[in-house]
Amino acid sequence: MRGFTLIEILVVFVIITILVSIVFFGGIQLLAISIIGKYIQVVVEETKSRPVYIVDKVISKIKQ
């Protein structure tokens, strides 16, 4: 059986390192995009200026 040469081992190590770093930084980007998306959602909800609740009908009026 033939053993692996040092060059073959280094090539595999470099490929694995690149793939792990791509996955790691991709995860960081997804996290950042989700935080920005949540911020945009909150801003849009606040700019709609909708009331917290809607009064269907007034039961009694208070006279002063």
Protein backbone atom coordinates (compact mmCIF):
# COMPACT_ATOMS: atom_id res chain seq x y z
CA MET A 1 0.00 0.00 0.00
CA ARG A 2 1.10 3.49 -0.76
CA GLY A 3 1.18 6.09 2.02
CA PHE A 4 0.20 9.70 1.68
CA THR A 5 2.85 12.23 0.86
CA LEU A 6 3.32 15.42 2.79
CA ILE A 7 1.98 17.47 -0.12
CA GLU A 8 -1.25 15.44 -0.26
CA ILE A 9 -1.79 15.83 3.48
CA LEU A 10 -1.20 19.58 3.28
CA VAL A 11 -3.59 19.96 0.34
CA VAL A 12 -6.34 18.17 2.24
CA PHE A 13 -5.64 20.25 5.34
CA VAL A 14 -5.80 23.49 3.33
CA ILE A 15 -9.07 22.49 1.64
CA ILE A 16 -10.66 21.59 4.97
CA THR A 17 -9.46 24.85 6.51
CA ILE A 18 -10.93 26.87 3.64
CA LEU A 19 -14.27 25.05 3.84
CA VAL A 20 -14.52 25.50 7.61
CA SER A 21 -13.73 29.21 7.33
CA ILE A 22 -16.34 29.64 4.56
CA VAL A 23 -19.00 27.97 6.70
CA PHE A 24 -18.00 29.99 9.79
CA PHE A 25 -18.06 33.36 8.05
CA GLY A 26 -21.28 32.42 6.25
CA GLY A 27 -22.87 31.78 9.63
CA ILE A 28 -21.65 35.16 10.89
CA GLN A 29 -23.18 36.83 7.84
CA LEU A 30 -26.52 35.08 8.38
CA LEU A 31 -26.53 36.20 12.00
CA ALA A 32 -25.79 39.80 11.00
CA ILE A 33 -28.52 39.77 8.34
CA SER A 34 -31.07 38.42 10.82
CA ILE A 35 -30.21 41.15 13.35
CA ILE A 36 -30.54 43.84 10.67
CA GLY A 37 -33.84 42.31 9.50
CA LYS A 38 -35.25 42.34 13.02
CA TYR A 39 -34.21 46.00 13.39
CA ILE A 40 -35.93 46.90 10.10
CA GLN A 41 -39.07 45.04 11.22
CA VAL A 42 -39.22 47.03 14.45
CA VAL A 43 -38.71 50.33 12.60
CA VAL A 44 -41.46 49.53 10.09
CA GLU A 45 -43.90 48.57 12.85
CA GLU A 46 -43.20 51.83 14.70
CA THR A 47 -43.62 53.99 11.60
CA LYS A 48 -47.08 52.57 10.88
CA SER A 49 -48.39 54.53 13.91
CA ARG A 50 -51.22 52.11 14.52
CA PRO A 51 -52.99 52.20 17.85
CA VAL A 52 -52.40 49.41 20.32
CA TYR A 53 -56.10 48.55 20.22
CA ILE A 54 -59.22 49.65 18.35
CA VAL A 55 -62.41 50.64 20.18
CA ASP A 56 -65.36 48.85 18.62
CA LYS A 57 -68.09 50.88 20.37
CA VAL A 58 -68.44 53.21 23.34
CA ILE A 59 -70.60 51.73 26.08
CA SER A 60 -71.12 54.85 28.18
CA LYS A 61 -69.94 58.41 28.07
CA ILE A 62 -68.62 60.13 31.16
CA LYS A 63 -70.20 63.58 31.61
CA GLN A 64 -68.38 66.20 33.60
